[in-house]
Every structure is written in structure tokens, then in C-alpha cells.
N, C-alpha and C. Protein backbone atom coordinates (compact mmCIF):
# COMPACT_ATOMS: atom_id res chain seq x y z
N MET A 1 115.71 124.56 1.04
CA MET A 1 114.55 125.47 0.80
C MET A 1 113.41 125.25 2.02
N CYS A 2 113.12 126.36 2.18
CA CYS A 2 112.26 126.91 3.00
C CYS A 2 110.73 126.04 2.95
N THR A 3 110.14 125.05 3.87
CA THR A 3 109.09 124.16 3.84
C THR A 3 108.01 124.92 4.66
N ASN A 4 107.17 126.17 3.75
CA ASN A 4 106.05 126.82 4.64
C ASN A 4 105.37 127.68 3.97
N ILE A 5 104.45 128.25 4.06
CA ILE A 5 102.75 128.34 3.96
C ILE A 5 102.75 128.83 2.62
N VAL A 6 104.00 129.72 3.09
CA VAL A 6 104.62 130.87 1.70
C VAL A 6 104.79 130.35 0.87
N TYR A 7 105.46 129.19 0.85
CA TYR A 7 106.56 128.09 -0.16
C TYR A 7 104.98 127.98 -1.10
N GLU A 8 104.36 126.95 -0.21
CA GLU A 8 103.38 126.25 -0.83
C GLU A 8 102.11 127.31 -1.38
N TRP A 9 101.99 128.53 -0.86
CA TRP A 9 101.11 129.08 -1.93
C TRP A 9 102.27 129.87 -2.58
N LEU A 10 103.85 130.10 -2.95
CA LEU A 10 104.22 130.90 -4.34
C LEU A 10 104.11 129.27 -5.27
N LYS A 11 104.57 128.24 -4.59
CA LYS A 11 104.26 127.31 -5.88
C LYS A 11 103.33 126.57 -6.32
N THR A 12 101.90 126.70 -5.73
CA THR A 12 100.37 127.24 -6.31
C THR A 12 100.52 128.43 -7.30
N LEU A 13 101.43 129.31 -7.14
CA LEU A 13 101.39 130.54 -8.04
C LEU A 13 102.60 130.14 -9.28
N GLN A 14 103.48 128.93 -9.09
CA GLN A 14 103.95 128.21 -9.92
C GLN A 14 105.81 129.74 -10.13
N LEU A 15 105.40 129.81 -8.76
CA LEU A 15 106.39 130.82 -9.00
C LEU A 15 107.22 130.54 -7.39
N PRO A 16 107.46 129.29 -7.23
CA PRO A 16 108.36 128.62 -5.94
C PRO A 16 110.04 129.46 -6.08
N GLN A 17 110.34 129.46 -7.14
CA GLN A 17 111.79 131.16 -7.25
C GLN A 17 112.08 131.61 -6.15
N TYR A 18 111.07 132.32 -5.74
CA TYR A 18 111.21 133.43 -4.61
C TYR A 18 110.61 133.53 -2.99
N ALA A 19 110.49 131.92 -2.68
CA ALA A 19 110.24 131.48 -1.63
C ALA A 19 111.32 132.33 -0.81
N GLU A 20 112.37 131.67 -1.06
CA GLU A 20 113.69 132.12 -0.17
C GLU A 20 114.16 133.67 -0.12
N SER A 21 113.58 134.84 -0.99
CA SER A 21 113.27 136.04 -1.04
C SER A 21 112.22 136.87 -0.03
N PHE A 22 111.03 135.57 -0.14
CA PHE A 22 110.10 136.08 0.66
C PHE A 22 110.07 135.62 1.97
N VAL A 23 110.60 134.78 2.32
CA VAL A 23 111.29 134.71 3.74
C VAL A 23 111.94 135.21 4.55
N ASP A 24 113.44 135.44 3.66
CA ASP A 24 114.35 136.85 4.47
C ASP A 24 114.00 137.63 3.74
N ASN A 25 112.98 137.82 2.96
CA ASN A 25 112.15 139.63 3.26
C ASN A 25 111.39 139.72 4.45
N GLY A 26 110.63 138.88 5.21
CA GLY A 26 109.88 138.36 6.66
C GLY A 26 108.43 138.46 6.52
N TYR A 27 108.52 137.98 5.29
CA TYR A 27 107.15 137.51 4.71
C TYR A 27 106.95 136.27 4.42
N ASP A 28 107.32 135.72 5.96
CA ASP A 28 106.90 133.95 6.43
C ASP A 28 105.90 133.36 6.65
N ASP A 29 104.20 134.60 6.15
CA ASP A 29 102.98 134.25 6.70
C ASP A 29 102.31 135.00 5.84
N LEU A 30 101.18 134.04 5.55
CA LEU A 30 100.21 134.85 4.64
C LEU A 30 99.04 135.77 5.04
N GLU A 31 98.94 136.80 6.34
CA GLU A 31 98.39 137.51 6.51
C GLU A 31 99.48 138.61 6.16
N VAL A 32 100.96 138.66 6.39
CA VAL A 32 102.12 139.44 6.46
C VAL A 32 101.81 139.16 4.75
N CYS A 33 101.80 138.59 3.88
CA CYS A 33 101.75 138.63 2.53
C CYS A 33 100.41 139.16 1.89
N LYS A 34 99.20 139.41 2.35
CA LYS A 34 98.31 140.56 2.46
C LYS A 34 98.48 141.54 2.14
N GLN A 35 99.82 142.45 2.53
CA GLN A 35 100.39 143.85 2.90
C GLN A 35 101.28 143.38 1.28
N ILE A 36 101.81 143.22 0.47
CA ILE A 36 102.99 143.06 -0.55
C ILE A 36 102.35 144.08 -1.34
N GLY A 37 103.03 145.00 -1.83
CA GLY A 37 102.87 145.89 -2.47
C GLY A 37 104.12 145.93 -3.60
N ASP A 38 104.56 147.41 -4.45
CA ASP A 38 105.02 146.74 -5.67
C ASP A 38 106.16 147.25 -5.08
N PRO A 39 106.60 147.94 -4.08
CA PRO A 39 108.10 148.19 -3.07
C PRO A 39 108.31 147.07 -3.14
N ASP A 40 107.30 146.90 -2.69
CA ASP A 40 108.22 145.37 -1.18
C ASP A 40 108.28 143.54 -3.00
N LEU A 41 107.74 144.32 -3.38
CA LEU A 41 108.22 143.32 -4.86
C LEU A 41 109.61 143.68 -5.07
N ASP A 42 109.69 144.93 -5.17
CA ASP A 42 111.36 145.53 -5.54
C ASP A 42 111.66 144.91 -4.56
N ALA A 43 112.09 145.34 -3.20
CA ALA A 43 112.69 144.11 -2.27
C ALA A 43 112.81 142.88 -2.64
N ILE A 44 111.97 141.89 -2.86
CA ILE A 44 111.60 140.74 -2.89
C ILE A 44 113.23 140.08 -4.05
N GLY A 45 112.77 141.25 -4.93
CA GLY A 45 113.39 140.69 -6.34
C GLY A 45 112.23 140.05 -7.14
N VAL A 46 110.90 140.74 -7.11
CA VAL A 46 110.37 140.33 -8.56
C VAL A 46 109.94 141.10 -9.40
N ALA A 47 110.97 140.74 -10.10
CA ALA A 47 111.19 142.21 -11.86
C ALA A 47 110.51 141.76 -12.89
N VAL A 48 110.01 140.80 -12.81
CA VAL A 48 109.06 139.94 -14.44
C VAL A 48 107.62 140.28 -14.09
N PRO A 49 107.14 141.20 -15.20
CA PRO A 49 106.22 141.99 -15.26
C PRO A 49 104.74 140.60 -14.96
N GLN A 50 104.74 139.46 -15.20
CA GLN A 50 104.04 138.77 -15.14
C GLN A 50 103.52 138.02 -13.86
N HIS A 51 105.14 137.94 -13.23
CA HIS A 51 105.74 137.48 -11.76
C HIS A 51 104.42 138.55 -10.51
N ARG A 52 105.07 139.43 -11.21
CA ARG A 52 104.08 140.67 -10.26
C ARG A 52 102.53 140.64 -10.91
N ARG A 53 102.42 140.58 -11.48
CA ARG A 53 100.65 140.33 -11.88
C ARG A 53 99.99 139.35 -10.91
N ARG A 54 101.02 138.03 -10.91
CA ARG A 54 100.40 136.45 -10.34
C ARG A 54 100.05 137.40 -9.03
N ILE A 55 101.33 137.52 -8.80
CA ILE A 55 101.35 137.86 -7.03
C ILE A 55 100.82 138.83 -7.02
N HIS A 56 100.43 139.90 -7.41
CA HIS A 56 99.19 140.69 -7.39
C HIS A 56 97.90 139.65 -7.30
N GLU A 57 97.36 139.58 -7.64
CA GLU A 57 96.34 138.53 -8.15
C GLU A 57 96.13 137.64 -6.66
N ALA A 58 96.74 137.12 -6.88
CA ALA A 58 97.11 136.17 -5.42
C ALA A 58 96.44 137.17 -3.79
N VAL A 59 97.49 138.21 -4.23
CA VAL A 59 97.20 139.36 -2.77
C VAL A 59 95.89 139.75 -2.20
N ARG A 60 95.38 139.98 -3.97
CA ARG A 60 93.88 140.40 -3.86
C ARG A 60 92.87 139.20 -3.31
N ARG A 61 92.93 137.91 -4.26
CA ARG A 61 91.89 136.58 -3.71
C ARG A 61 92.52 136.42 -2.03
N LEU A 62 93.73 136.59 -1.49
CA LEU A 62 93.61 136.34 -0.43
C LEU A 62 92.69 137.28 0.81
N LYS A 63 93.00 138.90 0.66
CA LYS A 63 92.26 139.89 1.02
C LYS A 63 90.88 139.58 0.92
N GLU A 64 90.85 139.31 -0.43
CA GLU A 64 89.00 138.86 -0.42
C GLU A 64 88.36 137.12 0.44
N ALA A 65 89.73 136.07 0.65
CA ALA A 65 88.93 135.28 1.44
C ALA A 65 88.57 135.89 2.93
N ALA A 66 89.80 136.67 2.78
CA ALA A 66 89.57 137.03 4.27
C ALA A 66 88.70 137.88 4.53
N GLU A 67 87.70 139.10 3.45
CA GLU A 67 86.83 139.18 4.07
C GLU A 67 85.43 138.38 4.36
N THR A 68 85.74 137.06 3.30
CA THR A 68 84.44 136.72 2.95
C THR A 68 84.18 135.80 4.37
N ALA A 69 85.08 135.65 4.70
CA ALA A 69 85.56 133.91 5.63
C ALA A 69 84.39 134.61 6.88
N ALA A 70 83.79 133.43 7.70
CA ALA A 70 82.99 133.97 8.65
C ALA A 70 83.14 133.82 9.84
N GLY A 71 82.70 135.38 10.39
CA GLY A 71 82.84 135.68 11.20
C GLY A 71 82.20 135.02 12.69
N LEU A 72 82.00 134.17 12.39
CA LEU A 72 81.65 133.20 14.01
C LEU A 72 82.33 132.82 15.03
N TYR A 73 82.78 132.89 15.79
CA TYR A 73 83.71 132.19 16.69
C TYR A 73 82.83 131.73 17.68
N PHE A 74 83.08 130.69 18.52
CA PHE A 74 82.55 130.53 19.53
C PHE A 74 83.69 129.80 20.53
N THR A 75 83.53 129.83 21.58
CA THR A 75 83.95 129.84 23.04
C THR A 75 83.45 128.44 23.67
N LEU A 76 84.76 127.49 24.04
CA LEU A 76 83.32 126.47 24.37
C LEU A 76 83.86 126.25 26.33
N GLU A 77 82.70 126.24 26.68
CA GLU A 77 83.13 126.03 28.58
C GLU A 77 82.36 125.02 29.18
N PRO A 78 83.46 125.25 30.26
CA PRO A 78 82.31 124.22 31.18
C PRO A 78 80.82 124.55 31.13
N PRO A 79 79.70 123.61 31.82
CA PRO A 79 78.61 124.19 31.91
C PRO A 79 78.80 124.54 33.29
N PRO A 80 77.79 125.07 33.60
CA PRO A 80 77.73 126.32 35.06
C PRO A 80 77.67 124.85 36.55
N ALA A 81 78.17 125.35 37.18
CA ALA A 81 77.52 124.59 38.44
C ALA A 81 76.16 124.67 39.04
N PRO A 82 75.74 123.58 39.08
CA PRO A 82 74.84 123.70 39.46
C PRO A 82 74.00 124.37 41.18
N PRO A 83 73.29 125.28 40.86
CA PRO A 83 72.85 125.74 41.81
C PRO A 83 72.49 125.10 43.04
N ASP A 84 72.97 125.65 44.17
CA ASP A 84 72.59 124.48 45.36
C ASP A 84 70.95 124.75 46.33
N THR A 85 69.99 124.66 45.15
CA THR A 85 68.01 125.12 45.04
C THR A 85 67.38 123.89 45.95
N GLY A 86 68.56 122.82 46.36
CA GLY A 86 67.65 121.37 46.31
C GLY A 86 66.86 120.37 46.02
N ARG A 87 66.96 121.44 44.90
CA ARG A 87 66.49 120.37 43.12
C ARG A 87 67.19 119.13 42.55
N PRO A 88 66.99 118.35 41.70
CA PRO A 88 68.30 118.25 41.69
C PRO A 88 68.79 118.40 40.02
N PRO A 89 69.88 118.37 40.05
CA PRO A 89 70.66 119.23 38.95
C PRO A 89 70.49 118.23 37.62
N SER A 90 70.37 119.09 36.75
CA SER A 90 69.44 119.13 35.14
C SER A 90 70.44 117.85 34.37
N GLY A 91 70.57 117.27 33.67
CA GLY A 91 71.14 115.96 33.46
C GLY A 91 72.01 116.82 32.46
N PRO A 92 73.25 115.35 32.31
CA PRO A 92 74.63 115.46 31.39
C PRO A 92 74.09 117.07 29.85
N GLY A 93 74.66 117.74 29.21
CA GLY A 93 74.43 118.69 28.36
C GLY A 93 73.25 119.11 28.01
N LEU A 94 72.69 119.03 29.24
CA LEU A 94 71.34 119.82 29.42
C LEU A 94 71.24 121.27 30.55
N ALA A 95 72.52 121.57 30.45
CA ALA A 95 72.98 122.78 30.94
C ALA A 95 72.22 123.81 30.96
N ALA A 96 71.82 124.95 31.28
CA ALA A 96 71.34 126.29 31.53
C ALA A 96 71.71 126.86 30.44
N PRO A 97 71.75 128.31 29.53
CA PRO A 97 72.90 128.89 28.82
C PRO A 97 72.75 130.53 29.59
N ARG A 98 73.87 131.11 29.87
CA ARG A 98 74.73 131.47 30.78
C ARG A 98 73.22 132.86 31.13
N HIS A 99 73.17 133.60 30.11
CA HIS A 99 72.67 134.78 29.32
C HIS A 99 71.36 133.97 28.62
N ARG A 100 70.25 135.14 28.60
CA ARG A 100 69.30 134.44 27.52
C ARG A 100 70.08 135.20 26.42
N PRO A 101 69.13 134.14 25.09
CA PRO A 101 69.34 134.26 23.89
C PRO A 101 68.18 135.93 22.99
N GLY A 102 68.66 136.58 22.26
CA GLY A 102 68.38 137.80 21.89
C GLY A 102 67.48 138.73 23.40
N ARG A 103 68.47 139.04 23.62
CA ARG A 103 69.29 139.65 24.98
C ARG A 103 70.80 140.56 23.90
N GLY A 104 71.22 139.66 23.50
CA GLY A 104 72.10 140.74 22.98
C GLY A 104 73.13 140.45 23.79
N GLY A 105 73.97 139.12 24.75
CA GLY A 105 74.53 138.85 25.83
C GLY A 105 74.99 137.68 25.19
N LEU A 106 75.63 136.65 25.48
CA LEU A 106 76.51 135.48 24.83
C LEU A 106 75.73 134.23 25.59
N VAL A 107 75.15 133.52 24.88
CA VAL A 107 75.13 132.53 25.54
C VAL A 107 76.04 131.29 25.14
N ALA A 108 75.98 130.32 26.49
CA ALA A 108 76.53 129.58 26.24
C ALA A 108 76.62 127.78 26.30
N TYR A 109 76.75 127.04 25.42
CA TYR A 109 76.21 126.39 25.45
C TYR A 109 77.91 125.03 26.10
N PRO A 110 76.51 123.68 25.76
CA PRO A 110 77.66 122.83 26.07
C PRO A 110 78.37 122.37 25.05
N ARG A 111 79.82 121.45 25.64
CA ARG A 111 80.66 121.67 25.03
C ARG A 111 79.76 120.19 23.36
N LEU A 112 78.22 119.16 24.12
CA LEU A 112 78.55 118.16 22.94
C LEU A 112 77.15 118.81 22.42
N LYS A 113 76.43 119.70 22.79
CA LYS A 113 75.45 120.54 21.61
C LYS A 113 75.85 121.37 20.96
N LEU A 114 76.82 121.78 21.30
CA LEU A 114 77.71 123.17 20.53
C LEU A 114 77.81 122.01 18.65
N LYS A 115 78.81 120.81 19.45
CA LYS A 115 79.74 119.81 18.27
C LYS A 115 78.02 120.26 17.39
N ILE A 116 76.86 119.57 18.14
CA ILE A 116 76.16 118.76 17.04
C ILE A 116 75.01 119.40 16.39
N MET A 117 75.20 120.68 16.71
CA MET A 117 74.59 122.10 16.35
C MET A 117 75.46 122.80 15.08
N ILE A 118 76.74 122.71 15.15
CA ILE A 118 78.10 123.11 14.04
C ILE A 118 77.99 121.91 13.20
N ARG A 119 77.55 120.38 13.54
CA ARG A 119 78.16 119.43 12.30
C ARG A 119 76.04 119.30 11.91
N ASP A 120 75.54 119.72 12.61
CA ASP A 120 74.21 119.76 11.96
C ASP A 120 74.19 121.16 10.94
N LYS A 121 74.71 122.21 11.19
CA LYS A 121 74.59 123.14 10.29
C LYS A 121 75.38 123.21 8.80
N LEU A 122 76.50 122.52 9.12
CA LEU A 122 77.64 122.10 8.00
C LEU A 122 76.83 120.90 7.30
N VAL A 123 75.76 120.08 7.69
CA VAL A 123 75.13 119.03 7.21
C VAL A 123 74.01 119.96 6.54
N ARG A 124 73.60 120.33 6.47
CA ARG A 124 71.88 121.91 6.34
C ARG A 124 72.49 122.27 4.91
N ASP A 125 74.17 123.54 5.43
CA ASP A 125 74.90 124.24 4.12
C ASP A 125 75.17 123.23 3.29
N GLY A 126 75.05 122.40 3.16
CA GLY A 126 76.58 120.94 2.49
C GLY A 126 77.86 121.56 2.11
N ILE A 127 78.16 121.10 3.76
CA ILE A 127 79.45 122.22 3.55
C ILE A 127 80.48 120.14 4.22
N ASN A 128 81.96 120.65 3.25
CA ASN A 128 82.41 118.88 3.25
C ASN A 128 83.10 118.93 4.12
N LEU A 129 83.88 119.48 5.78
CA LEU A 129 84.73 120.18 5.58
C LEU A 129 86.25 118.82 5.00
N SER A 130 86.12 117.82 4.57
CA SER A 130 87.25 117.00 4.12
C SER A 130 87.26 117.28 2.83
N LYS A 131 86.68 118.00 1.77
CA LYS A 131 86.84 118.35 0.84
C LYS A 131 87.62 119.62 -0.01
N PRO A 132 87.91 120.03 -0.42
CA PRO A 132 88.56 121.22 -0.59
C PRO A 132 86.93 122.56 -0.86
N PRO A 133 86.94 123.77 -0.55
CA PRO A 133 88.40 124.26 -0.33
C PRO A 133 88.50 124.51 0.93
N TYR A 134 88.16 123.65 1.53
CA TYR A 134 88.17 123.29 3.13
C TYR A 134 89.17 122.39 3.73
N SER A 135 89.79 121.17 3.29
CA SER A 135 90.70 120.62 3.46
C SER A 135 92.10 120.21 2.10
N ASN A 136 93.41 120.34 2.10
CA ASN A 136 93.84 120.39 1.29
C ASN A 136 94.53 119.37 1.06
N LYS A 137 94.31 118.09 1.27
CA LYS A 137 94.41 116.45 1.65
C LYS A 137 95.62 116.22 0.06
N VAL A 138 96.87 115.70 0.26
CA VAL A 138 97.25 115.71 -0.94
C VAL A 138 97.12 114.15 -0.80
N ALA A 139 97.21 113.20 -2.17
CA ALA A 139 96.75 111.80 -2.30
C ALA A 139 98.12 111.19 -3.14
N ARG A 140 98.35 110.27 -2.58
CA ARG A 140 100.09 109.98 -2.42
C ARG A 140 99.63 108.68 -3.63
């Protein structure tokens, strides 16, 4: 049997019997599964109304999760080279942003400062990335 994200998704829906049909019909990723409609379920061979309903509900939840996901993306860049002004360069982790904040431009943060900012934000928001829904660790 296939062991991919779609199989795991179907397993949580208690419908693993359709995993092979999903993959055979090109539904091998959850992004693709978000597009499933009634004609697709017909092609996959999902005929039981309860199963179709479960899949439709799960697709709706996938779409909602994608819409509510945080739209913040960070770009890690090396700090800019110090200018030749005759002054001593700033210490590590103290590089100035390339663009000024509040003016609509991007701000480049040193890697360490960005890690600290993200960690502090997660702590303030009470988010623990090692616990559900952010982690699906399986106890053995």
C-alpha cells in the first residue's frame, strides 16, 4: 500500500481503502486533494454517500486551514558587508536593516536576531511547536 500524506489523511478519516485509487488518479498531495469534487469522487470510486460526505468535509477543513494559515514568510540573508568608512564594523548580530521599517520595504534581520524574535513571539502567543496541532508525533 502507498505510504504518503494522502494515505495518512485518509486513514484519519477512517477511509484508507481509497488510498490506492486516490494516488492512481493523481491525488498524491493534499494541495491537489483540496480540488476534489463529486466528479473526482466518481472517478476515484467513492460511491458510499457517508464516505463522500466525510471526504467533502475534510476537503472543506483543508481549504479553511489553508486560508487561516499565517501568511508570514521570512527570508534569511547574510548580514550586509560592512562599509569602508574607516569606522570599526558593528558587532555580530548587530547589522542594520537594509531598508527602514515603516516605509513599505523589506527588512533583513541577522539570522540569530530573527530566531530570537520568532521564539519570543511563539512564547508570547503560547504556541508550542512540539505539540498538536503543530506536531503529529506518534508515541511508540
